[in-house]
C-alpha cells in the first residue's frame, strides 16, 4: 500500500500536485522538494506534522 499527499488537502487549492511513495520518509522528501521548488516554502516541523495528518493510504 502506498502513501499519498496532495497539496489541495493542505489548503493549496490552486495546485493539483500529488505525490506517492511507499514510506513516510520517501514521501516527505518528495513533498519537501515540491514545496521548495514550486511554492518557495521550506518545510519545518510544524508544516511536516500538518502535512502528515493529510496523508492517505492508497
N, C-alpha and C. Protein backbone atom coordinates (compact mmCIF):
# COMPACT_ATOMS: atom_id res chain seq x y z
N UNK A 1 0.84 -1.18 0.00
CA UNK A 1 0.00 0.00 0.00
C UNK A 1 0.89 1.25 0.00
N UNK A 2 0.55 2.21 -0.83
CA UNK A 2 1.34 3.45 -0.95
C UNK A 2 0.72 4.56 -0.13
N UNK A 3 1.52 5.56 0.16
CA UNK A 3 1.08 6.75 0.85
C UNK A 3 0.96 7.87 -0.17
N UNK A 4 -0.06 8.72 0.00
CA UNK A 4 -0.28 9.81 -0.95
C UNK A 4 -0.50 11.13 -0.23
N UNK A 5 0.18 12.16 -0.72
CA UNK A 5 -0.01 13.54 -0.25
C UNK A 5 -0.50 14.37 -1.42
N UNK A 6 -1.42 15.28 -1.16
CA UNK A 6 -1.91 16.19 -2.19
C UNK A 6 -1.93 17.61 -1.63
N UNK A 7 -1.42 18.55 -2.41
CA UNK A 7 -1.38 19.95 -1.97
C UNK A 7 -2.78 20.46 -1.61
N UNK A 8 -3.77 20.05 -2.37
CA UNK A 8 -5.13 20.53 -2.11
C UNK A 8 -5.63 20.16 -0.72
N UNK A 9 -5.15 19.06 -0.17
CA UNK A 9 -5.59 18.64 1.17
C UNK A 9 -5.03 19.52 2.28
N UNK A 10 -3.98 20.31 1.98
CA UNK A 10 -3.44 21.21 2.98
C UNK A 10 -3.82 22.66 2.69
N UNK A 11 -4.76 22.84 1.78
CA UNK A 11 -5.30 24.17 1.53
C UNK A 11 -4.71 24.90 0.34
N UNK A 12 -3.80 24.27 -0.39
CA UNK A 12 -3.25 24.91 -1.59
C UNK A 12 -4.16 24.51 -2.75
N UNK A 13 -5.29 25.19 -2.83
CA UNK A 13 -6.36 24.77 -3.73
C UNK A 13 -6.04 24.97 -5.21
N UNK A 14 -5.08 25.83 -5.53
CA UNK A 14 -4.76 26.06 -6.94
C UNK A 14 -3.64 25.14 -7.44
N UNK A 15 -3.20 24.19 -6.63
CA UNK A 15 -2.15 23.25 -7.03
C UNK A 15 -2.74 21.84 -7.08
N UNK A 16 -2.61 21.21 -8.21
CA UNK A 16 -3.15 19.86 -8.42
C UNK A 16 -2.13 18.76 -8.14
N UNK A 17 -0.94 19.14 -7.63
CA UNK A 17 0.13 18.17 -7.41
C UNK A 17 -0.22 17.16 -6.31
N UNK A 18 0.15 15.92 -6.56
CA UNK A 18 0.10 14.90 -5.53
C UNK A 18 1.37 14.06 -5.65
N UNK A 19 1.76 13.46 -4.56
CA UNK A 19 2.96 12.62 -4.54
C UNK A 19 2.63 11.32 -3.84
N UNK A 20 3.23 10.25 -4.31
CA UNK A 20 3.05 8.95 -3.68
C UNK A 20 4.41 8.32 -3.41
N UNK A 21 4.45 7.50 -2.38
CA UNK A 21 5.67 6.78 -2.02
C UNK A 21 5.29 5.61 -1.14
N UNK A 22 6.24 4.70 -0.99
CA UNK A 22 5.99 3.52 -0.16
C UNK A 22 6.26 3.77 1.32
N UNK A 23 7.11 4.77 1.62
CA UNK A 23 7.42 5.06 3.02
C UNK A 23 7.19 6.54 3.32
N UNK A 24 7.02 6.83 4.59
CA UNK A 24 6.83 8.21 5.03
C UNK A 24 8.04 9.06 4.68
N UNK A 25 9.23 8.51 4.85
CA UNK A 25 10.46 9.25 4.57
C UNK A 25 10.57 9.62 3.08
N UNK A 26 10.26 8.67 2.21
CA UNK A 26 10.29 8.94 0.78
C UNK A 26 9.26 10.00 0.41
N UNK A 27 8.09 9.89 0.98
CA UNK A 27 7.02 10.84 0.69
C UNK A 27 7.40 12.24 1.14
N UNK A 28 7.94 12.35 2.35
CA UNK A 28 8.34 13.67 2.85
C UNK A 28 9.42 14.29 1.99
N UNK A 29 10.33 13.50 1.48
CA UNK A 29 11.37 14.03 0.59
C UNK A 29 10.75 14.61 -0.68
N UNK A 30 9.79 13.90 -1.25
CA UNK A 30 9.11 14.39 -2.45
C UNK A 30 8.30 15.65 -2.15
N UNK A 31 7.59 15.65 -1.05
CA UNK A 31 6.78 16.81 -0.67
C UNK A 31 7.67 18.02 -0.41
N UNK A 32 8.77 17.82 0.30
CA UNK A 32 9.68 18.92 0.60
C UNK A 32 10.26 19.51 -0.68
N UNK A 33 10.66 18.67 -1.62
CA UNK A 33 11.20 19.15 -2.89
C UNK A 33 10.16 19.96 -3.66
N UNK A 34 8.94 19.45 -3.73
CA UNK A 34 7.86 20.17 -4.43
C UNK A 34 7.57 21.50 -3.73
N UNK A 35 7.46 21.49 -2.42
CA UNK A 35 7.17 22.72 -1.68
C UNK A 35 8.25 23.77 -1.93
N UNK A 36 9.49 23.34 -1.95
CA UNK A 36 10.62 24.26 -2.15
C UNK A 36 10.65 24.81 -3.58
N UNK A 37 10.56 23.92 -4.57
CA UNK A 37 10.75 24.35 -5.96
C UNK A 37 9.53 25.03 -6.56
N UNK A 38 8.34 24.60 -6.18
CA UNK A 38 7.13 25.15 -6.80
C UNK A 38 6.52 26.26 -5.96
N UNK A 39 6.49 26.07 -4.64
CA UNK A 39 5.81 27.04 -3.77
C UNK A 39 6.76 27.96 -3.02
N UNK A 40 8.05 27.70 -3.10
CA UNK A 40 9.03 28.54 -2.40
C UNK A 40 8.96 28.42 -0.90
N UNK A 41 8.56 27.26 -0.41
CA UNK A 41 8.37 27.03 1.03
C UNK A 41 9.34 25.96 1.52
N UNK A 42 10.06 26.27 2.59
CA UNK A 42 10.89 25.27 3.27
C UNK A 42 10.06 24.67 4.40
N UNK A 43 9.93 23.37 4.41
CA UNK A 43 9.13 22.71 5.44
C UNK A 43 9.85 22.73 6.78
N UNK A 44 9.10 23.07 7.82
CA UNK A 44 9.61 22.97 9.20
C UNK A 44 8.82 21.88 9.90
N UNK A 45 9.11 21.62 11.14
CA UNK A 45 8.43 20.53 11.87
C UNK A 45 6.92 20.72 11.91
N UNK A 46 6.46 21.94 12.10
CA UNK A 46 5.02 22.21 12.16
C UNK A 46 4.35 21.87 10.83
N UNK A 47 4.95 22.31 9.73
CA UNK A 47 4.37 22.02 8.41
C UNK A 47 4.43 20.53 8.10
N UNK A 48 5.51 19.88 8.48
CA UNK A 48 5.62 18.43 8.26
C UNK A 48 4.55 17.69 9.05
N UNK A 49 4.38 18.05 10.32
CA UNK A 49 3.36 17.40 11.15
C UNK A 49 1.97 17.58 10.55
N UNK A 50 1.67 18.80 10.08
CA UNK A 50 0.37 19.06 9.47
C UNK A 50 0.21 18.25 8.18
N UNK A 51 1.23 18.27 7.34
CA UNK A 51 1.15 17.53 6.07
C UNK A 51 0.88 16.05 6.33
N UNK A 52 1.53 15.49 7.33
CA UNK A 52 1.35 14.07 7.61
C UNK A 52 -0.07 13.72 8.05
N UNK A 53 -0.78 14.68 8.63
CA UNK A 53 -2.17 14.41 9.03
C UNK A 53 -3.08 14.27 7.82
N UNK A 54 -2.63 14.71 6.65
CA UNK A 54 -3.47 14.66 5.45
C UNK A 54 -3.12 13.51 4.53
N UNK A 55 -2.07 12.76 4.86
CA UNK A 55 -1.62 11.66 4.01
C UNK A 55 -2.67 10.54 4.03
N UNK A 56 -2.92 9.99 2.86
CA UNK A 56 -3.86 8.88 2.73
C UNK A 56 -3.15 7.65 2.20
N UNK A 57 -3.60 6.50 2.61
CA UNK A 57 -3.08 5.25 2.06
C UNK A 57 -3.89 4.90 0.82
N UNK A 58 -3.17 4.53 -0.24
CA UNK A 58 -3.86 4.18 -1.49
C UNK A 58 -3.61 2.74 -1.87
